[in-house]
N, C-alpha and C. Protein backbone atom coordinates (compact mmCIF):
# COMPACT_ATOMS: atom_id res chain seq x y z
N MET A 1 2.93 -13.01 12.08
CA MET A 1 2.93 -11.88 11.56
C MET A 1 2.24 -12.45 10.20
N PRO A 2 0.85 -11.46 10.00
CA PRO A 2 0.57 -11.57 8.76
C PRO A 2 0.71 -11.40 7.92
N TYR A 3 1.73 -10.80 7.19
CA TYR A 3 2.38 -10.27 6.33
C TYR A 3 3.30 -10.69 6.04
N ARG A 4 3.98 -10.66 4.35
CA ARG A 4 4.77 -10.39 3.98
C ARG A 4 5.46 -9.78 2.86
N ILE A 5 6.41 -9.41 3.00
CA ILE A 5 6.90 -8.35 1.95
C ILE A 5 8.31 -9.00 1.23
N SER A 6 8.38 -8.61 0.25
CA SER A 6 8.96 -9.08 -1.31
C SER A 6 9.44 -8.26 -1.83
N TRP A 7 10.61 -8.39 -1.62
CA TRP A 7 11.32 -6.61 -2.87
C TRP A 7 11.49 -7.05 -3.72
N GLU A 8 11.43 -5.99 -4.89
CA GLU A 8 11.29 -6.25 -6.28
C GLU A 8 12.88 -5.63 -6.84
N PRO A 9 12.77 -5.45 -7.77
CA PRO A 9 13.84 -4.61 -8.49
C PRO A 9 13.52 -3.13 -8.47
N GLU A 10 12.43 -2.88 -8.88
CA GLU A 10 11.88 -1.70 -8.41
C GLU A 10 10.66 -1.20 -7.84
N GLY A 11 10.37 -2.26 -6.64
CA GLY A 11 9.30 -2.49 -5.99
C GLY A 11 9.27 -3.07 -4.61
N ALA A 12 7.84 -2.98 -4.04
CA ALA A 12 7.44 -4.04 -2.73
C ALA A 12 6.49 -4.10 -2.61
N CYS A 13 6.51 -5.16 -2.87
CA CYS A 13 5.11 -6.44 -2.96
C CYS A 13 4.56 -7.08 -1.42
N ARG A 14 3.45 -6.00 -0.34
CA ARG A 14 3.32 -6.68 0.56
C ARG A 14 2.34 -7.67 0.37
N THR A 15 1.91 -8.43 0.91
CA THR A 15 0.90 -10.13 1.00
C THR A 15 0.04 -10.20 2.14
N TYR A 16 -0.74 -9.34 2.89
CA TYR A 16 -1.59 -10.10 4.33
C TYR A 16 -2.40 -11.19 4.17
N PHE A 17 -2.20 -11.64 4.85
CA PHE A 17 -3.24 -13.18 5.23
C PHE A 17 -3.36 -13.54 6.57
N GLY A 18 -4.86 -14.27 6.36
CA GLY A 18 -4.95 -14.26 7.90
C GLY A 18 -5.48 -13.33 8.38
N ARG A 19 -5.36 -12.96 9.89
CA ARG A 19 -5.98 -11.91 11.05
C ARG A 19 -5.32 -10.73 10.43
N VAL A 20 -5.45 -9.91 10.09
CA VAL A 20 -4.35 -8.94 9.71
C VAL A 20 -4.80 -7.52 11.31
N THR A 21 -4.05 -6.94 12.08
CA THR A 21 -4.52 -6.17 13.03
C THR A 21 -3.75 -4.87 12.77
N ILE A 22 -4.08 -3.89 13.38
CA ILE A 22 -4.18 -2.57 12.97
C ILE A 22 -2.59 -2.52 12.79
N ALA A 23 -2.40 -2.78 14.67
CA ALA A 23 -0.63 -3.01 14.80
C ALA A 23 0.18 -3.60 13.65
N GLU A 24 -0.16 -4.66 13.15
CA GLU A 24 0.18 -5.33 11.96
C GLU A 24 0.27 -4.56 10.69
N ARG A 25 -0.78 -3.80 10.34
CA ARG A 25 -0.76 -2.73 9.38
C ARG A 25 0.49 -1.75 9.56
N ARG A 26 0.45 -0.97 10.69
CA ARG A 26 1.15 -0.04 11.51
C ARG A 26 3.45 -0.60 11.24
N ALA A 27 2.98 -2.39 11.36
CA ALA A 27 4.49 -2.51 11.66
C ALA A 27 4.84 -3.28 10.15
N SER A 28 4.07 -3.16 9.30
CA SER A 28 4.39 -3.83 7.90
C SER A 28 4.54 -1.75 7.31
N PHE A 29 4.01 -1.32 7.53
CA PHE A 29 4.50 0.14 7.11
C PHE A 29 5.64 0.77 7.41
N ASP A 30 5.89 0.38 8.84
CA ASP A 30 7.23 0.76 9.18
C ASP A 30 8.31 0.54 8.34
N ALA A 31 8.51 -1.01 8.55
CA ALA A 31 9.28 -2.13 7.40
C ALA A 31 9.83 -1.37 6.18
N ILE A 32 8.59 -0.77 5.65
CA ILE A 32 8.58 -0.61 4.12
C ILE A 32 9.66 0.98 4.41
N ALA A 33 8.67 1.67 5.13
CA ALA A 33 9.56 2.81 5.11
C ALA A 33 10.71 3.38 5.41
N ALA A 34 11.13 2.73 6.39
CA ALA A 34 12.74 2.39 7.31
C ALA A 34 13.41 1.72 6.11
N ASP A 35 13.58 0.98 5.75
CA ASP A 35 14.43 0.16 4.59
C ASP A 35 14.79 1.71 4.19
N PRO A 36 16.49 0.68 4.05
CA PRO A 36 17.04 1.80 3.23
C PRO A 36 16.46 1.96 1.56
N ARG A 37 16.37 0.52 1.32
CA ARG A 37 15.80 0.49 -0.25
C ARG A 37 14.57 1.65 -0.39
N PHE A 38 13.53 2.05 0.53
CA PHE A 38 12.67 2.90 0.19
C PHE A 38 13.02 3.91 -0.80
N ASP A 39 13.44 4.97 -0.36
CA ASP A 39 13.72 5.97 -1.67
C ASP A 39 13.67 5.98 -2.89
N ARG A 40 14.58 4.55 -3.44
CA ARG A 40 14.46 4.25 -4.85
C ARG A 40 13.38 3.30 -5.03
N LEU A 41 12.22 2.99 -4.28
CA LEU A 41 10.72 2.54 -4.73
C LEU A 41 10.17 3.47 -5.49
N ARG A 42 9.65 2.58 -7.07
CA ARG A 42 8.54 3.41 -7.33
C ARG A 42 7.15 2.41 -7.63
N TYR A 43 7.28 1.92 -6.66
CA TYR A 43 5.68 1.04 -6.42
C TYR A 43 6.11 0.74 -4.91
N VAL A 44 4.47 0.70 -3.90
CA VAL A 44 4.45 -0.58 -3.35
C VAL A 44 2.67 -1.47 -3.56
N LEU A 45 2.87 -1.99 -3.79
CA LEU A 45 1.90 -3.43 -4.13
C LEU A 45 1.06 -4.23 -2.89
N THR A 46 -0.16 -4.23 -2.32
CA THR A 46 -0.09 -4.45 -1.12
C THR A 46 -1.41 -5.84 -1.63
N ASP A 47 -1.74 -6.43 -0.97
CA ASP A 47 -2.21 -7.88 -1.77
C ASP A 47 -3.17 -7.87 -0.67
N TYR A 48 -4.45 -7.88 -0.49
CA TYR A 48 -4.99 -7.78 0.49
C TYR A 48 -6.40 -9.27 -0.14
N LEU A 49 -5.70 -9.87 -0.87
CA LEU A 49 -6.82 -10.87 -1.06
C LEU A 49 -6.74 -12.73 -0.01
N GLY A 50 -5.69 -12.36 0.30
CA GLY A 50 -5.68 -13.37 1.53
C GLY A 50 -6.13 -13.45 2.64
N ILE A 51 -7.07 -12.35 3.01
CA ILE A 51 -6.63 -11.98 4.81
C ILE A 51 -8.49 -12.63 5.13
N ASP A 52 -8.17 -12.73 6.49
CA ASP A 52 -9.63 -13.38 6.66
C ASP A 52 -10.35 -12.75 7.42
N SER A 53 -10.19 -11.42 8.05
CA SER A 53 -10.62 -10.15 8.85
C SER A 53 -9.26 -9.44 8.57
N TYR A 54 -9.99 -8.24 8.84
CA TYR A 54 -9.23 -7.19 9.11
C TYR A 54 -9.83 -5.66 9.63
N GLU A 55 -8.89 -5.63 11.10
CA GLU A 55 -9.13 -4.91 12.02
C GLU A 55 -8.84 -3.35 11.03
N VAL A 56 -9.50 -1.94 11.38
CA VAL A 56 -9.55 -1.01 11.18
C VAL A 56 -10.74 0.01 11.89
N THR A 57 -10.68 1.14 12.42
CA THR A 57 -11.09 2.44 12.71
C THR A 57 -10.83 3.50 11.73
N PRO A 58 -11.82 4.92 11.84
CA PRO A 58 -11.18 5.41 11.40
C PRO A 58 -10.30 5.82 11.61
N GLU A 59 -10.17 6.43 13.25
CA GLU A 59 -8.55 6.93 13.72
C GLU A 59 -7.57 6.13 12.94
N ALA A 60 -7.51 4.83 13.09
CA ALA A 60 -6.52 3.88 12.60
C ALA A 60 -5.74 4.33 11.25
N THR A 61 -6.86 4.62 10.23
CA THR A 61 -6.75 5.11 8.88
C THR A 61 -6.21 6.06 8.76
N ALA A 62 -6.90 7.31 9.62
CA ALA A 62 -6.27 8.23 9.54
C ALA A 62 -4.42 8.84 9.54
N GLU A 63 -4.41 7.72 11.01
CA GLU A 63 -2.99 7.93 11.62
C GLU A 63 -2.33 7.52 10.40
N ILE A 64 -2.57 6.27 10.34
CA ILE A 64 -1.72 5.22 8.30
C ILE A 64 -1.50 6.29 7.25
N ALA A 65 -2.65 7.23 7.04
CA ALA A 65 -3.28 8.05 6.01
C ALA A 65 -1.96 8.90 6.32
N ALA A 66 -1.67 9.70 7.67
CA ALA A 66 -1.12 11.17 8.01
C ALA A 66 0.63 10.44 7.71
N LEU A 67 0.77 9.73 8.12
CA LEU A 67 2.11 8.91 8.19
C LEU A 67 2.67 8.71 7.16
N HIS A 68 1.87 8.59 5.43
CA HIS A 68 2.45 7.91 3.85
C HIS A 68 2.91 10.05 3.98
N ILE A 69 2.72 11.27 4.92
CA ILE A 69 3.39 11.95 4.35
C ILE A 69 5.11 12.29 4.34
N GLY A 70 5.50 11.46 5.60
CA GLY A 70 7.05 12.25 5.68
C GLY A 70 7.65 11.00 4.50
N PRO A 71 7.51 10.09 4.31
CA PRO A 71 8.06 8.78 3.43
C PRO A 71 7.92 9.93 1.71
N LEU A 72 6.55 9.79 1.91
CA LEU A 72 6.48 10.65 -0.12
C LEU A 72 6.88 11.60 0.12
N PHE A 73 7.18 12.06 0.46
CA PHE A 73 7.69 13.51 0.49
C PHE A 73 9.31 13.17 0.07
N THR A 74 9.71 12.65 0.64
CA THR A 74 11.18 11.67 0.12
C THR A 74 11.74 11.17 -1.02
N ASN A 75 10.30 10.22 -1.42
CA ASN A 75 10.14 9.40 -2.67
C ASN A 75 8.43 10.24 -2.79
N PRO A 76 8.65 11.47 -3.77
CA PRO A 76 7.04 11.45 -4.52
C PRO A 76 7.13 10.76 -5.24
N ARG A 77 7.80 9.86 -6.42
CA ARG A 77 7.39 9.01 -7.51
C ARG A 77 6.94 8.16 -7.02
N LEU A 78 6.84 7.65 -5.89
CA LEU A 78 5.47 5.82 -5.24
C LEU A 78 4.87 6.04 -6.01
N LEU A 79 4.12 4.91 -6.38
CA LEU A 79 3.08 4.49 -6.86
C LEU A 79 2.28 3.77 -5.54
N ILE A 80 0.45 4.07 -4.80
CA ILE A 80 0.62 2.81 -4.34
C ILE A 80 -0.78 2.45 -5.23
N VAL A 81 -0.09 1.00 -4.60
CA VAL A 81 -1.64 0.18 -5.47
C VAL A 81 -1.92 -1.39 -4.24
N ALA A 82 -2.98 -1.55 -5.07
CA ALA A 82 -3.98 -2.32 -3.92
C ALA A 82 -4.37 -3.22 -4.90
N VAL A 83 -4.24 -4.44 -4.36
CA VAL A 83 -5.32 -5.62 -4.56
C VAL A 83 -6.72 -5.82 -3.58
N ALA A 84 -7.68 -5.76 -3.56
CA ALA A 84 -8.68 -5.81 -2.73
C ALA A 84 -10.13 -6.26 -3.03
N THR A 85 -10.88 -6.47 -2.95
CA THR A 85 -11.92 -7.32 -3.14
C THR A 85 -13.25 -6.66 -1.79
N ARG A 86 -12.48 -7.38 -0.80
CA ARG A 86 -13.15 -7.41 0.34
C ARG A 86 -13.76 -5.63 0.77
N PRO A 87 -15.33 -5.49 1.14
CA PRO A 87 -16.04 -4.57 1.12
C PRO A 87 -15.15 -3.55 2.68
N ASP A 88 -14.67 -3.81 3.50
CA ASP A 88 -14.01 -3.50 4.71
C ASP A 88 -12.73 -3.05 4.23
N VAL A 89 -12.17 -3.85 3.46
CA VAL A 89 -10.65 -3.18 2.82
C VAL A 89 -11.05 -1.92 2.11
N LEU A 90 -12.06 -1.56 1.27
CA LEU A 90 -12.26 -1.00 0.16
C LEU A 90 -12.29 0.35 0.46
N ALA A 91 -13.47 0.03 2.00
CA ALA A 91 -13.75 1.45 2.60
C ALA A 91 -12.47 1.59 3.18
N ALA A 92 -11.79 1.37 3.74
CA ALA A 92 -10.84 1.91 4.09
C ALA A 92 -9.47 2.51 3.58
N ILE A 93 -9.21 2.10 1.97
CA ILE A 93 -8.75 2.62 1.21
C ILE A 93 -9.53 3.74 0.55
N ASP A 94 -10.51 3.84 0.58
CA ASP A 94 -11.27 5.00 0.02
C ASP A 94 -11.29 5.75 1.09
N GLN A 95 -11.34 5.95 2.46
CA GLN A 95 -11.40 6.58 3.33
C GLN A 95 -10.05 7.39 3.63
N PHE A 96 -8.70 6.24 3.31
CA PHE A 96 -7.49 6.61 3.43
C PHE A 96 -7.73 8.53 1.91
N ARG A 97 -7.70 7.86 0.77
CA ARG A 97 -7.60 8.69 -0.32
C ARG A 97 -8.24 9.39 -0.15
N SER A 98 -9.58 9.76 0.92
CA SER A 98 -10.29 11.06 1.58
C SER A 98 -9.57 12.16 2.06
N TYR A 99 -8.32 11.51 2.82
CA TYR A 99 -7.69 13.03 3.30
C TYR A 99 -6.62 13.60 2.95
N ARG A 100 -6.40 13.07 1.40
CA ARG A 100 -5.52 13.64 0.72
C ARG A 100 -4.63 14.15 1.03
N PHE A 101 -3.39 13.63 1.90
CA PHE A 101 -2.30 14.15 2.28
C PHE A 101 -0.99 14.41 1.42
N THR A 102 -1.50 13.28 1.07
CA THR A 102 -0.50 13.31 -0.48
C THR A 102 -0.80 14.10 -1.88
N GLN A 103 -0.02 13.39 -2.80
CA GLN A 103 -0.22 13.25 -4.32
C GLN A 103 -0.09 12.26 -4.64
N ALA A 104 0.88 11.15 -4.35
CA ALA A 104 1.02 9.91 -4.17
C ALA A 104 -0.52 9.67 -5.35
N PRO A 105 -0.30 8.68 -6.54
CA PRO A 105 -1.38 7.71 -7.40
C PRO A 105 -1.05 6.44 -6.26
N CYS A 106 -2.79 6.58 -6.32
CA CYS A 106 -3.27 4.96 -5.48
C CYS A 106 -4.40 4.45 -6.41
N GLN A 107 -4.04 3.12 -6.84
CA GLN A 107 -5.66 2.86 -7.21
C GLN A 107 -5.30 1.13 -6.79
N VAL A 108 -6.65 0.65 -7.31
CA VAL A 108 -6.95 -0.44 -6.37
C VAL A 108 -7.52 -0.95 -7.39
N PHE A 109 -7.12 -2.25 -7.50
CA PHE A 109 -7.61 -3.47 -8.74
C PHE A 109 -8.27 -4.38 -8.07
N ALA A 110 -9.23 -5.25 -8.76
CA ALA A 110 -9.25 -6.79 -8.27
C ALA A 110 -8.19 -7.83 -7.97
N THR A 111 -7.70 -7.60 -9.20
CA THR A 111 -6.98 -8.54 -9.37
C THR A 111 -4.95 -7.96 -9.07
N THR A 112 -3.76 -9.53 -9.01
CA THR A 112 -3.00 -8.62 -8.99
C THR A 112 -1.99 -8.45 -10.61
N ALA A 113 -2.83 -9.38 -11.75
CA ALA A 113 -2.31 -9.01 -13.03
C ALA A 113 -2.68 -7.41 -13.47
N GLU A 114 -3.96 -7.17 -12.65
CA GLU A 114 -4.48 -5.53 -13.49
C GLU A 114 -3.62 -5.01 -12.52
N ALA A 115 -3.31 -4.96 -11.37
CA ALA A 115 -2.38 -4.40 -10.73
C ALA A 115 -0.96 -3.86 -10.99
N ARG A 116 -0.44 -5.16 -11.53
CA ARG A 116 0.91 -5.38 -12.39
C ARG A 116 0.81 -4.60 -13.47
N GLY A 117 -0.29 -4.99 -14.30
CA GLY A 117 -0.25 -4.41 -15.55
C GLY A 117 -0.32 -2.46 -15.28
N TRP A 118 -1.11 -2.55 -14.89
CA TRP A 118 -0.82 -0.95 -14.23
C TRP A 118 0.21 -0.30 -13.83
N ILE A 119 0.61 -0.81 -13.40
CA ILE A 119 2.07 -0.75 -12.62
C ILE A 119 3.60 -0.72 -13.85
N ALA A 120 2.83 -1.12 -14.43
CA ALA A 120 4.45 -1.99 -15.40
C ALA A 120 3.70 -0.75 -16.56
N ALA A 121 2.53 -0.40 -17.15
CA ALA A 121 2.04 1.08 -17.83
C ALA A 121 2.63 2.26 -17.35
N GLN A 122 2.78 2.69 -16.19
CA GLN A 122 2.78 3.77 -15.11
C GLN A 122 4.59 3.60 -15.66
N LEU A 123 5.47 2.78 -15.08
CA LEU A 123 7.03 2.74 -15.56
C LEU A 123 7.35 2.66 -16.61
N ALA A 124 6.36 2.54 -17.78
CA ALA A 124 7.09 2.91 -18.95
C ALA A 124 6.87 4.03 -19.70
N ALA A 125 5.97 4.90 -19.02
CA ALA A 125 5.73 6.28 -19.50
C ALA A 125 6.91 7.26 -19.31
N PRO A 126 6.81 8.01 -20.05
CA PRO A 126 7.84 9.57 -19.65
C PRO A 126 7.44 9.73 -18.58
N ALA A 127 8.58 10.19 -18.19
CA ALA A 127 8.32 10.87 -17.11
C ALA A 127 8.28 12.62 -16.72
């Protein structure tokens, strides 16, 4: 399993490493969205920096984007945050965003520190 999910007080941090397949991306999504803690999360931070390869197709990205509709309906406060620098991952994130299936904020940063700083600022902002 080339991912690890760490549960934090207000969020979940998913870290991918090694060779990441479409099936494993789906499994990690399902693990987070199906968890009883999901509805209380304020963010999901996904770290792509440790991957060696990333299996992606336009169809798989469209499917995963569509799968976000239901969970984000039940938890509309969720922030989607990625840490990535690989062109293939960045292109998949751009494709994900282009579908506009949800209104959830979706931000990408080059470093974990930048991502966590943005998350902290969002959580501190008045509702």
